[in-house]
Amino acid sequence: MNLNTTSDIYSPVLDDTSTYIDTNNITFPIKCPCTNKDFFNKNTFNIHRRKTKKHKDWLAELNANKTNFYKDTILLNELVKQQQEMIISRDNIIQTQKLHISHLEKQISKNVPTYNLLDLD
């Protein structure tokens, strides 16, 4: 039996000075956002985060833009809420239209005379 698993996304933690630092509390497989690469064990991931400039630059960028990420999170949460409201509104419109169509179909079926075409001469 083959199990298909998706990798968790690695996220550093904040230390006491509110600086993002790497963490060792990781479950594998994990995907590092700095490269979008999947890591399946601790050794390869530790080599990646300690030796690659890309990972170090990514961590520095997180620390430099903490305020922006917070602001982005708030804006994205507002966007999600607006989209949920739009979906609910559209679902209600669709439901109303379905009821209207059903009502019209019943009216049509009442008003249409039926004939047995085999009896016609």
C-alpha atoms as a PDB file:
ATOM      1  CA  MET A   1       0.000   0.000   0.000  1.00  0.00           C
ATOM      2  CA  ASN A   2       1.472   3.342  -1.073  1.00  0.00           C
ATOM      3  CA  LEU A   3       0.707   6.351   1.046  1.00  0.00           C
ATOM      4  CA  ASN A   4       0.912   9.729  -0.595  1.00  0.00           C
ATOM      5  CA  THR A   5       2.041  12.380   1.883  1.00  0.00           C
ATOM      6  CA  THR A   6       2.485  16.066   1.367  1.00  0.00           C
ATOM      7  CA  SER A   7       5.287  17.917   3.035  1.00  0.00           C
ATOM      8  CA  ASP A   8       4.660  20.405   5.803  1.00  0.00           C
ATOM      9  CA  ILE A   9       6.038  23.866   5.171  1.00  0.00           C
ATOM     10  CA  TYR A  10       8.981  24.768   7.346  1.00  0.00           C
ATOM     11  CA  SER A  11       8.588  27.866   9.456  1.00  0.00           C
ATOM     12  CA  PRO A  12      11.190  29.260  11.833  1.00  0.00           C
ATOM     13  CA  VAL A  13      10.273  30.320  15.364  1.00  0.00           C
ATOM     14  CA  LEU A  14      10.616  33.633  17.181  1.00  0.00           C
ATOM     15  CA  ASP A  15      13.190  33.836  19.934  1.00  0.00           C
ATOM     16  CA  ASP A  16      12.992  36.006  23.074  1.00  0.00           C
ATOM     17  CA  THR A  17      14.016  39.105  21.104  1.00  0.00           C
ATOM     18  CA  SER A  18      11.302  38.499  18.449  1.00  0.00           C
ATOM     19  CA  THR A  19      13.852  37.436  15.868  1.00  0.00           C
ATOM     20  CA  TYR A  20      13.129  34.505  13.564  1.00  0.00           C
ATOM     21  CA  ILE A  21      15.533  31.623  14.154  1.00  0.00           C
ATOM     22  CA  ASP A  22      15.707  28.084  12.820  1.00  0.00           C
ATOM     23  CA  THR A  23      14.083  25.394  14.899  1.00  0.00           C
ATOM     24  CA  ASN A  24      14.873  21.715  15.402  1.00  0.00           C
ATOM     25  CA  ASN A  25      11.285  20.780  16.201  1.00  0.00           C
ATOM     26  CA  ILE A  26      10.517  19.427  12.723  1.00  0.00           C
ATOM     27  CA  THR A  27       8.599  16.478  11.352  1.00  0.00           C
ATOM     28  CA  PHE A  28       9.603  15.130   7.986  1.00  0.00           C
ATOM     29  CA  PRO A  29       9.001  15.361   5.091  1.00  0.00           C
ATOM     30  CA  ILE A  30       9.239  19.142   5.131  1.00  0.00           C
ATOM     31  CA  LYS A  31       9.412  21.799   2.410  1.00  0.00           C
ATOM     32  CA  CYS A  32      11.624  24.820   2.931  1.00  0.00           C
ATOM     33  CA  PRO A  33      10.074  28.002   1.456  1.00  0.00           C
ATOM     34  CA  CYS A  34      13.463  29.426   0.523  1.00  0.00           C
ATOM     35  CA  THR A  35      13.861  26.835  -2.262  1.00  0.00           C
ATOM     36  CA  ASN A  36      10.511  24.986  -2.327  1.00  0.00           C
ATOM     37  CA  LYS A  37      12.572  21.827  -1.996  1.00  0.00           C
ATOM     38  CA  ASP A  38      11.348  18.806  -0.031  1.00  0.00           C
ATOM     39  CA  PHE A  39      13.570  17.340   2.658  1.00  0.00           C
ATOM     40  CA  PHE A  40      12.997  13.846   3.951  1.00  0.00           C
ATOM     41  CA  ASN A  41      15.463  13.607   6.812  1.00  0.00           C
ATOM     42  CA  LYS A  42      17.164  15.739   9.415  1.00  0.00           C
ATOM     43  CA  ASN A  43      20.684  15.470   8.010  1.00  0.00           C
ATOM     44  CA  THR A  44      19.926  16.867   4.553  1.00  0.00           C
ATOM     45  CA  PHE A  45      17.751  19.619   5.997  1.00  0.00           C
ATOM     46  CA  ASN A  46      20.401  20.639   8.546  1.00  0.00           C
ATOM     47  CA  ILE A  47      23.036  20.829   5.796  1.00  0.00           C
ATOM     48  CA  HIS A  48      20.659  22.916   3.702  1.00  0.00           C
ATOM     49  CA  ARG A  49      19.840  25.480   6.382  1.00  0.00           C
ATOM     50  CA  ARG A  50      23.362  25.797   7.767  1.00  0.00           C
ATOM     51  CA  LYS A  51      25.303  25.934   4.523  1.00  0.00           C
ATOM     52  CA  THR A  52      23.143  27.560   1.856  1.00  0.00           C
ATOM     53  CA  LYS A  53      23.210  31.309   1.373  1.00  0.00           C
ATOM     54  CA  LYS A  54      19.676  31.179   0.019  1.00  0.00           C
ATOM     55  CA  HIS A  55      18.301  29.887   3.346  1.00  0.00           C
ATOM     56  CA  LYS A  56      20.281  32.432   5.358  1.00  0.00           C
ATOM     57  CA  ASP A  57      19.085  35.261   3.078  1.00  0.00           C
ATOM     58  CA  TRP A  58      15.494  34.031   3.375  1.00  0.00           C
ATOM     59  CA  LEU A  59      15.707  34.056   7.187  1.00  0.00           C
ATOM     60  CA  ALA A  60      17.238  37.563   7.124  1.00  0.00           C
ATOM     61  CA  GLU A  61      14.399  38.722   4.823  1.00  0.00           C
ATOM     62  CA  LEU A  62      11.823  37.359   7.277  1.00  0.00           C
ATOM     63  CA  ASN A  63      13.430  39.327  10.080  1.00  0.00           C
ATOM     64  CA  ALA A  64      13.683  42.492   7.991  1.00  0.00           C
ATOM     65  CA  ASN A  65      10.007  42.374   6.958  1.00  0.00           C
ATOM     66  CA  LYS A  66       8.236  41.192  10.134  1.00  0.00           C
ATOM     67  CA  THR A  67       5.940  44.217  10.187  1.00  0.00           C
ATOM     68  CA  ASN A  68       5.066  43.817   6.524  1.00  0.00           C
ATOM     69  CA  PHE A  69       4.240  40.138   7.011  1.00  0.00           C
ATOM     70  CA  TYR A  70       1.928  41.016   9.893  1.00  0.00           C
ATOM     71  CA  LYS A  71       0.215  43.678   7.788  1.00  0.00           C
ATOM     72  CA  ASP A  72      -0.056  41.257   4.858  1.00  0.00           C
ATOM     73  CA  THR A  73      -1.599  38.638   7.123  1.00  0.00           C
ATOM     74  CA  ILE A  74      -4.267  41.079   8.296  1.00  0.00           C
ATOM     75  CA  LEU A  75      -5.038  42.137   4.712  1.00  0.00           C
ATOM     76  CA  LEU A  76      -5.195  38.536   3.520  1.00  0.00           C
ATOM     77  CA  ASN A  77      -7.524  37.573   6.375  1.00  0.00           C
ATOM     78  CA  GLU A  78      -9.827  40.440   5.373  1.00  0.00           C
ATOM     79  CA  LEU A  79      -9.713  39.266   1.762  1.00  0.00           C
ATOM     80  CA  VAL A  80     -10.606  35.715   2.774  1.00  0.00           C
ATOM     81  CA  LYS A  81     -13.554  37.007   4.808  1.00  0.00           C
ATOM     82  CA  GLN A  82     -14.790  39.078   1.846  1.00  0.00           C
ATOM     83  CA  GLN A  83     -14.475  36.099  -0.481  1.00  0.00           C
ATOM     84  CA  GLN A  84     -16.374  33.873   1.948  1.00  0.00           C
ATOM     85  CA  GLU A  85     -19.166  36.458   2.067  1.00  0.00           C
ATOM     86  CA  MET A  86     -19.219  36.612  -1.740  1.00  0.00           C
ATOM     87  CA  ILE A  87     -19.424  32.821  -1.967  1.00  0.00           C
ATOM     88  CA  ILE A  88     -22.324  32.738   0.498  1.00  0.00           C
ATOM     89  CA  SER A  89     -24.103  35.481  -1.435  1.00  0.00           C
ATOM     90  CA  ARG A  90     -23.620  33.683  -4.749  1.00  0.00           C
ATOM     91  CA  ASP A  91     -24.766  30.388  -3.220  1.00  0.00           C
ATOM     92  CA  ASN A  92     -27.927  32.116  -2.018  1.00  0.00           C
ATOM     93  CA  ILE A  93     -28.537  33.570  -5.481  1.00  0.00           C
ATOM     94  CA  ILE A  94     -28.056  30.152  -7.072  1.00  0.00           C
ATOM     95  CA  GLN A  95     -30.441  28.543  -4.587  1.00  0.00           C
ATOM     96  CA  THR A  96     -33.080  31.220  -5.277  1.00  0.00           C
ATOM     97  CA  GLN A  97     -32.693  30.736  -9.029  1.00  0.00           C
ATOM     98  CA  LYS A  98     -33.053  26.964  -8.670  1.00  0.00           C
ATOM     99  CA  LEU A  99     -36.289  27.454  -6.760  1.00  0.00           C
ATOM    100  CA  HIS A 100     -37.530  29.883  -9.403  1.00  0.00           C
ATOM    101  CA  ILE A 101     -36.696  27.443 -12.199  1.00  0.00           C
ATOM    102  CA  SER A 102     -38.465  24.642 -10.362  1.00  0.00           C
ATOM    103  CA  HIS A 103     -41.537  26.818  -9.913  1.00  0.00           C
ATOM    104  CA  LEU A 104     -41.552  27.751 -13.630  1.00  0.00           C
ATOM    105  CA  GLU A 105     -41.167  24.108 -14.645  1.00  0.00           C
ATOM    106  CA  LYS A 106     -44.206  23.192 -12.538  1.00  0.00           C
ATOM    107  CA  GLN A 107     -46.232  25.980 -14.143  1.00  0.00           C
ATOM    108  CA  ILE A 108     -45.267  24.860 -17.619  1.00  0.00           C
ATOM    109  CA  SER A 109     -46.152  21.252 -16.889  1.00  0.00           C
ATOM    110  CA  LYS A 110     -49.609  22.297 -15.585  1.00  0.00           C
ATOM    111  CA  ASN A 111     -50.466  24.453 -18.582  1.00  0.00           C
ATOM    112  CA  VAL A 112     -49.273  22.206 -21.374  1.00  0.00           C
ATOM    113  CA  PRO A 113     -52.034  19.980 -22.721  1.00  0.00           C
ATOM    114  CA  THR A 114     -51.043  16.427 -23.375  1.00  0.00           C
ATOM    115  CA  TYR A 115     -52.231  14.467 -26.361  1.00  0.00           C
ATOM    116  CA  ASN A 116     -51.889  10.907 -27.308  1.00  0.00           C
ATOM    117  CA  LEU A 117     -50.318  11.219 -30.733  1.00  0.00           C
ATOM    118  CA  LEU A 118     -51.333   7.689 -31.686  1.00  0.00           C
ATOM    119  CA  ASP A 119     -55.000   8.655 -31.486  1.00  0.00           C
ATOM    120  CA  LEU A 120     -54.652  11.475 -34.006  1.00  0.00           C
ATOM    121  CA  ASP A 121     -55.914  10.898 -37.532  1.00  0.00           C
END
